Amino acid sequence: MNEFSDYRPFRVFYAMVLYNLGEHGKAMQGLLMELAETTSDLPIKDYSSSIQYYADKLDQIEA
């Protein structure tokens, strides 16, 4: 991953590794960031900045 840090498929596989290691939040964060940065789906693109903002805040609960 260090040598090919821009190769996106490695990031997706890394998210799967994190999931298998019980790092579900980090795995989800990685996948959400990849989705937000690479999608061609227009409705998802409309929410890209929000998806990226909340990607590392999934476990936070606002009162």
PDB file of N, CA and C in Angstrom:
ATOM      1  N   MET A   1       0.831  -1.195   0.000  1.00  0.00           N
ATOM      2  CA  MET A   1       0.000   0.000   0.000  1.00  0.00           C
ATOM      3  C   MET A   1       0.873   1.256   0.000  1.00  0.00           C
ATOM      4  N   ASN A   2       1.990   1.211   0.691  1.00  0.00           N
ATOM      5  CA  ASN A   2       2.859   2.391   0.705  1.00  0.00           C
ATOM      6  C   ASN A   2       3.436   2.687  -0.672  1.00  0.00           C
ATOM      7  N   GLU A   3       3.799   1.645  -1.385  1.00  0.00           N
ATOM      8  CA  GLU A   3       4.420   1.834  -2.692  1.00  0.00           C
ATOM      9  C   GLU A   3       3.412   2.272  -3.753  1.00  0.00           C
ATOM     10  N   PHE A   4       2.185   1.780  -3.644  1.00  0.00           N
ATOM     11  CA  PHE A   4       1.143   2.096  -4.637  1.00  0.00           C
ATOM     12  C   PHE A   4      -0.056   2.741  -3.953  1.00  0.00           C
ATOM     13  N   SER A   5       0.188   3.779  -3.179  1.00  0.00           N
ATOM     14  CA  SER A   5      -0.864   4.381  -2.363  1.00  0.00           C
ATOM     15  C   SER A   5      -2.005   4.995  -3.186  1.00  0.00           C
ATOM     16  N   ASP A   6      -1.761   5.305  -4.439  1.00  0.00           N
ATOM     17  CA  ASP A   6      -2.807   5.879  -5.286  1.00  0.00           C
ATOM     18  C   ASP A   6      -3.615   4.830  -6.035  1.00  0.00           C
ATOM     19  N   TYR A   7      -3.261   3.570  -5.882  1.00  0.00           N
ATOM     20  CA  TYR A   7      -3.969   2.494  -6.590  1.00  0.00           C
ATOM     21  C   TYR A   7      -5.213   2.126  -5.772  1.00  0.00           C
ATOM     22  N   ARG A   8      -6.351   2.623  -6.195  1.00  0.00           N
ATOM     23  CA  ARG A   8      -7.591   2.533  -5.429  1.00  0.00           C
ATOM     24  C   ARG A   8      -8.059   1.115  -5.106  1.00  0.00           C
ATOM     25  N   PRO A   9      -7.886   0.135  -5.983  1.00  0.00           N
ATOM     26  CA  PRO A   9      -8.328  -1.211  -5.606  1.00  0.00           C
ATOM     27  C   PRO A   9      -7.677  -1.706  -4.311  1.00  0.00           C
ATOM     28  N   PHE A  10      -6.415  -1.326  -4.056  1.00  0.00           N
ATOM     29  CA  PHE A  10      -5.772  -1.733  -2.814  1.00  0.00           C
ATOM     30  C   PHE A  10      -6.508  -1.157  -1.603  1.00  0.00           C
ATOM     31  N   ARG A  11      -7.016   0.053  -1.748  1.00  0.00           N
ATOM     32  CA  ARG A  11      -7.748   0.686  -0.643  1.00  0.00           C
ATOM     33  C   ARG A  11      -9.028  -0.088  -0.323  1.00  0.00           C
ATOM     34  N   VAL A  12      -9.684  -0.587  -1.349  1.00  0.00           N
ATOM     35  CA  VAL A  12     -10.906  -1.366  -1.148  1.00  0.00           C
ATOM     36  C   VAL A  12     -10.570  -2.693  -0.465  1.00  0.00           C
ATOM     37  N   PHE A  13      -9.534  -3.363  -0.934  1.00  0.00           N
ATOM     38  CA  PHE A  13      -9.132  -4.608  -0.292  1.00  0.00           C
ATOM     39  C   PHE A  13      -8.663  -4.370   1.139  1.00  0.00           C
ATOM     40  N   TYR A  14      -8.001  -3.254   1.379  1.00  0.00           N
ATOM     41  CA  TYR A  14      -7.570  -2.908   2.730  1.00  0.00           C
ATOM     42  C   TYR A  14      -8.779  -2.728   3.647  1.00  0.00           C
ATOM     43  N   ALA A  15      -9.836  -2.132   3.145  1.00  0.00           N
ATOM     44  CA  ALA A  15     -11.068  -1.984   3.927  1.00  0.00           C
ATOM     45  C   ALA A  15     -11.617  -3.359   4.304  1.00  0.00           C
ATOM     46  N   MET A  16     -11.531  -4.312   3.401  1.00  0.00           N
ATOM     47  CA  MET A  16     -11.991  -5.665   3.721  1.00  0.00           C
ATOM     48  C   MET A  16     -11.116  -6.300   4.800  1.00  0.00           C
ATOM     49  N   VAL A  17      -9.817  -6.053   4.743  1.00  0.00           N
ATOM     50  CA  VAL A  17      -8.913  -6.557   5.777  1.00  0.00           C
ATOM     51  C   VAL A  17      -9.279  -5.932   7.120  1.00  0.00           C
ATOM     52  N   LEU A  18      -9.488  -4.620   7.134  1.00  0.00           N
ATOM     53  CA  LEU A  18      -9.867  -3.947   8.372  1.00  0.00           C
ATOM     54  C   LEU A  18     -11.154  -4.526   8.938  1.00  0.00           C
ATOM     55  N   TYR A  19     -12.103  -4.795   8.083  1.00  0.00           N
ATOM     56  CA  TYR A  19     -13.365  -5.386   8.532  1.00  0.00           C
ATOM     57  C   TYR A  19     -13.108  -6.741   9.189  1.00  0.00           C
ATOM     58  N   ASN A  20     -12.308  -7.563   8.546  1.00  0.00           N
ATOM     59  CA  ASN A  20     -11.997  -8.886   9.088  1.00  0.00           C
ATOM     60  C   ASN A  20     -11.251  -8.813  10.408  1.00  0.00           C
ATOM     61  N   LEU A  21     -10.524  -7.719  10.633  1.00  0.00           N
ATOM     62  CA  LEU A  21      -9.805  -7.523  11.885  1.00  0.00           C
ATOM     63  C   LEU A  21     -10.675  -6.877  12.964  1.00  0.00           C
ATOM     64  N   GLY A  22     -11.945  -6.662  12.638  1.00  0.00           N
ATOM     65  CA  GLY A  22     -12.869  -6.074  13.602  1.00  0.00           C
ATOM     66  C   GLY A  22     -12.866  -4.558  13.622  1.00  0.00           C
ATOM     67  N   GLU A  23     -12.168  -3.952  12.677  1.00  0.00           N
ATOM     68  CA  GLU A  23     -12.103  -2.489  12.575  1.00  0.00           C
ATOM     69  C   GLU A  23     -13.206  -2.003  11.636  1.00  0.00           C
ATOM     70  N   HIS A  24     -14.437  -2.244  12.033  1.00  0.00           N
ATOM     71  CA  HIS A  24     -15.574  -1.970  11.149  1.00  0.00           C
ATOM     72  C   HIS A  24     -15.715  -0.501  10.788  1.00  0.00           C
ATOM     73  N   GLY A  25     -15.508   0.369  11.752  1.00  0.00           N
ATOM     74  CA  GLY A  25     -15.621   1.804  11.487  1.00  0.00           C
ATOM     75  C   GLY A  25     -14.600   2.282  10.484  1.00  0.00           C
ATOM     76  N   LYS A  26     -13.354   1.862  10.650  1.00  0.00           N
ATOM     77  CA  LYS A  26     -12.301   2.254   9.710  1.00  0.00           C
ATOM     78  C   LYS A  26     -12.563   1.677   8.326  1.00  0.00           C
ATOM     79  N   ALA A  27     -13.074   0.451   8.292  1.00  0.00           N
ATOM     80  CA  ALA A  27     -13.388  -0.175   7.008  1.00  0.00           C
ATOM     81  C   ALA A  27     -14.476   0.607   6.284  1.00  0.00           C
ATOM     82  N   MET A  28     -15.511   0.936   7.006  1.00  0.00           N
ATOM     83  CA  MET A  28     -16.623   1.696   6.416  1.00  0.00           C
ATOM     84  C   MET A  28     -16.156   3.077   5.968  1.00  0.00           C
ATOM     85  N   GLN A  29     -15.337   3.707   6.791  1.00  0.00           N
ATOM     86  CA  GLN A  29     -14.814   5.024   6.439  1.00  0.00           C
ATOM     87  C   GLN A  29     -14.050   4.960   5.121  1.00  0.00           C
ATOM     88  N   GLY A  30     -13.184   3.966   4.978  1.00  0.00           N
ATOM     89  CA  GLY A  30     -12.409   3.831   3.749  1.00  0.00           C
ATOM     90  C   GLY A  30     -13.287   3.623   2.533  1.00  0.00           C
ATOM     91  N   LEU A  31     -14.284   2.780   2.677  1.00  0.00           N
ATOM     92  CA  LEU A  31     -15.175   2.525   1.539  1.00  0.00           C
ATOM     93  C   LEU A  31     -16.022   3.741   1.192  1.00  0.00           C
ATOM     94  N   LEU A  32     -16.488   4.455   2.206  1.00  0.00           N
ATOM     95  CA  LEU A  32     -17.271   5.672   1.938  1.00  0.00           C
ATOM     96  C   LEU A  32     -16.428   6.725   1.228  1.00  0.00           C
ATOM     97  N   MET A  33     -15.184   6.861   1.635  1.00  0.00           N
ATOM     98  CA  MET A  33     -14.307   7.834   0.985  1.00  0.00           C
ATOM     99  C   MET A  33     -14.059   7.446  -0.475  1.00  0.00           C
ATOM    100  N   GLU A  34     -13.818   6.170  -0.718  1.00  0.00           N
ATOM    101  CA  GLU A  34     -13.621   5.722  -2.101  1.00  0.00           C
ATOM    102  C   GLU A  34     -14.870   5.971  -2.931  1.00  0.00           C
ATOM    103  N   LEU A  35     -16.026   5.657  -2.371  1.00  0.00           N
ATOM    104  CA  LEU A  35     -17.283   5.887  -3.082  1.00  0.00           C
ATOM    105  C   LEU A  35     -17.452   7.364  -3.413  1.00  0.00           C
ATOM    106  N   ALA A  36     -17.278   8.216  -2.418  1.00  0.00           N
ATOM    107  CA  ALA A  36     -17.478   9.650  -2.618  1.00  0.00           C
ATOM    108  C   ALA A  36     -16.497  10.232  -3.630  1.00  0.00           C
ATOM    109  N   GLU A  37     -15.290   9.711  -3.654  1.00  0.00           N
ATOM    110  CA  GLU A  37     -14.260  10.249  -4.540  1.00  0.00           C
ATOM    111  C   GLU A  37     -14.296   9.697  -5.955  1.00  0.00           C
ATOM    112  N   THR A  38     -14.924   8.547  -6.160  1.00  0.00           N
ATOM    113  CA  THR A  38     -14.819   7.910  -7.480  1.00  0.00           C
ATOM    114  C   THR A  38     -16.129   7.691  -8.204  1.00  0.00           C
ATOM    115  N   THR A  39     -17.259   7.892  -7.548  1.00  0.00           N
ATOM    116  CA  THR A  39     -18.532   7.563  -8.179  1.00  0.00           C
ATOM    117  C   THR A  39     -18.831   8.459  -9.374  1.00  0.00           C
ATOM    118  N   SER A  40     -19.552   7.901 -10.310  1.00  0.00           N
ATOM    119  CA  SER A  40     -20.073   8.694 -11.423  1.00  0.00           C
ATOM    120  C   SER A  40     -21.583   8.867 -11.277  1.00  0.00           C
ATOM    121  N   ASP A  41     -22.129   8.328 -10.198  1.00  0.00           N
ATOM    122  CA  ASP A  41     -23.561   8.439  -9.925  1.00  0.00           C
ATOM    123  C   ASP A  41     -23.880   9.860  -9.471  1.00  0.00           C
ATOM    124  N   LEU A  42     -24.678  10.571 -10.252  1.00  0.00           N
ATOM    125  CA  LEU A  42     -24.932  11.988  -9.974  1.00  0.00           C
ATOM    126  C   LEU A  42     -25.578  12.257  -8.619  1.00  0.00           C
ATOM    127  N   PRO A  43     -26.602  11.508  -8.203  1.00  0.00           N
ATOM    128  CA  PRO A  43     -27.168  11.775  -6.882  1.00  0.00           C
ATOM    129  C   PRO A  43     -26.154  11.570  -5.744  1.00  0.00           C
ATOM    130  N   ILE A  44     -25.283  10.568  -5.859  1.00  0.00           N
ATOM    131  CA  ILE A  44     -24.255  10.377  -4.834  1.00  0.00           C
ATOM    132  C   ILE A  44     -23.237  11.512  -4.906  1.00  0.00           C
ATOM    133  N   LYS A  45     -22.892  11.945  -6.113  1.00  0.00           N
ATOM    134  CA  LYS A  45     -21.973  13.078  -6.264  1.00  0.00           C
ATOM    135  C   LYS A  45     -22.516  14.318  -5.562  1.00  0.00           C
ATOM    136  N   ASP A  46     -23.833  14.507  -5.614  1.00  0.00           N
ATOM    137  CA  ASP A  46     -24.441  15.663  -4.950  1.00  0.00           C
ATOM    138  C   ASP A  46     -24.178  15.663  -3.449  1.00  0.00           C
ATOM    139  N   TYR A  47     -24.033  14.490  -2.876  1.00  0.00           N
ATOM    140  CA  TYR A  47     -23.806  14.357  -1.434  1.00  0.00           C
ATOM    141  C   TYR A  47     -22.361  13.996  -1.096  1.00  0.00           C
ATOM    142  N   SER A  48     -21.467  14.073  -2.054  1.00  0.00           N
ATOM    143  CA  SER A  48     -20.086  13.655  -1.864  1.00  0.00           C
ATOM    144  C   SER A  48     -19.410  14.345  -0.685  1.00  0.00           C
ATOM    145  N   SER A  49     -19.554  15.648  -0.570  1.00  0.00           N
ATOM    146  CA  SER A  49     -18.887  16.346   0.534  1.00  0.00           C
ATOM    147  C   SER A  49     -19.464  15.941   1.884  1.00  0.00           C
ATOM    148  N   SER A  50     -20.756  15.710   1.949  1.00  0.00           N
ATOM    149  CA  SER A  50     -21.370  15.254   3.198  1.00  0.00           C
ATOM    150  C   SER A  50     -20.921  13.841   3.546  1.00  0.00           C
ATOM    151  N   ILE A  51     -20.857  12.978   2.553  1.00  0.00           N
ATOM    152  CA  ILE A  51     -20.400  11.600   2.779  1.00  0.00           C
ATOM    153  C   ILE A  51     -18.970  11.622   3.309  1.00  0.00           C
ATOM    154  N   GLN A  52     -18.125  12.439   2.709  1.00  0.00           N
ATOM    155  CA  GLN A  52     -16.738  12.524   3.162  1.00  0.00           C
ATOM    156  C   GLN A  52     -16.648  13.116   4.567  1.00  0.00           C
ATOM    157  N   TYR A  53     -17.460  14.104   4.852  1.00  0.00           N
ATOM    158  CA  TYR A  53     -17.441  14.725   6.174  1.00  0.00           C
ATOM    159  C   TYR A  53     -17.842  13.730   7.264  1.00  0.00           C
ATOM    160  N   TYR A  54     -18.881  12.973   7.031  1.00  0.00           N
ATOM    161  CA  TYR A  54     -19.405  12.052   8.049  1.00  0.00           C
ATOM    162  C   TYR A  54     -18.730  10.678   8.057  1.00  0.00           C
ATOM    163  N   ALA A  55     -17.861  10.393   7.096  1.00  0.00           N
ATOM    164  CA  ALA A  55     -17.246   9.069   6.981  1.00  0.00           C
ATOM    165  C   ALA A  55     -16.522   8.637   8.252  1.00  0.00           C
ATOM    166  N   ASP A  56     -15.920   9.585   8.963  1.00  0.00           N
ATOM    167  CA  ASP A  56     -15.209   9.228  10.194  1.00  0.00           C
ATOM    168  C   ASP A  56     -16.010   9.569  11.453  1.00  0.00           C
ATOM    169  N   LYS A  57     -17.281   9.845  11.276  1.00  0.00           N
ATOM    170  CA  LYS A  57     -18.143  10.220  12.393  1.00  0.00           C
ATOM    171  C   LYS A  57     -19.348   9.278  12.558  1.00  0.00           C
ATOM    172  N   LEU A  58     -19.235   8.084  12.011  1.00  0.00           N
ATOM    173  CA  LEU A  58     -20.376   7.171  11.978  1.00  0.00           C
ATOM    174  C   LEU A  58     -20.842   6.751  13.365  1.00  0.00           C
ATOM    175  N   ASP A  59     -19.942   6.715  14.326  1.00  0.00           N
ATOM    176  CA  ASP A  59     -20.304   6.272  15.670  1.00  0.00           C
ATOM    177  C   ASP A  59     -20.726   7.409  16.591  1.00  0.00           C
ATOM    178  N   GLN A  60     -20.655   8.630  16.089  1.00  0.00           N
ATOM    179  CA  GLN A  60     -21.036   9.766  16.924  1.00  0.00           C
ATOM    180  C   GLN A  60     -22.550   9.912  16.974  1.00  0.00           C
ATOM    181  N   ILE A  61     -23.041  10.185  18.157  1.00  0.00           N
ATOM    182  CA  ILE A  61     -24.469  10.383  18.351  1.00  0.00           C
ATOM    183  C   ILE A  61     -24.679  11.806  18.824  1.00  0.00           C
ATOM    184  N   GLU A  62     -25.465  12.540  18.091  1.00  0.00           N
ATOM    185  CA  GLU A  62     -25.786  13.930  18.446  1.00  0.00           C
ATOM    186  C   GLU A  62     -27.063  13.955  19.250  1.00  0.00           C
ATOM    187  N   ALA A  63     -27.042  14.653  20.329  1.00  0.00           N
ATOM    188  CA  ALA A  63     -28.248  14.759  21.172  1.00  0.00           C
ATOM    189  C   ALA A  63     -29.060  15.958  20.792  1.00  0.00           C
TER     190      ALA A  63
END
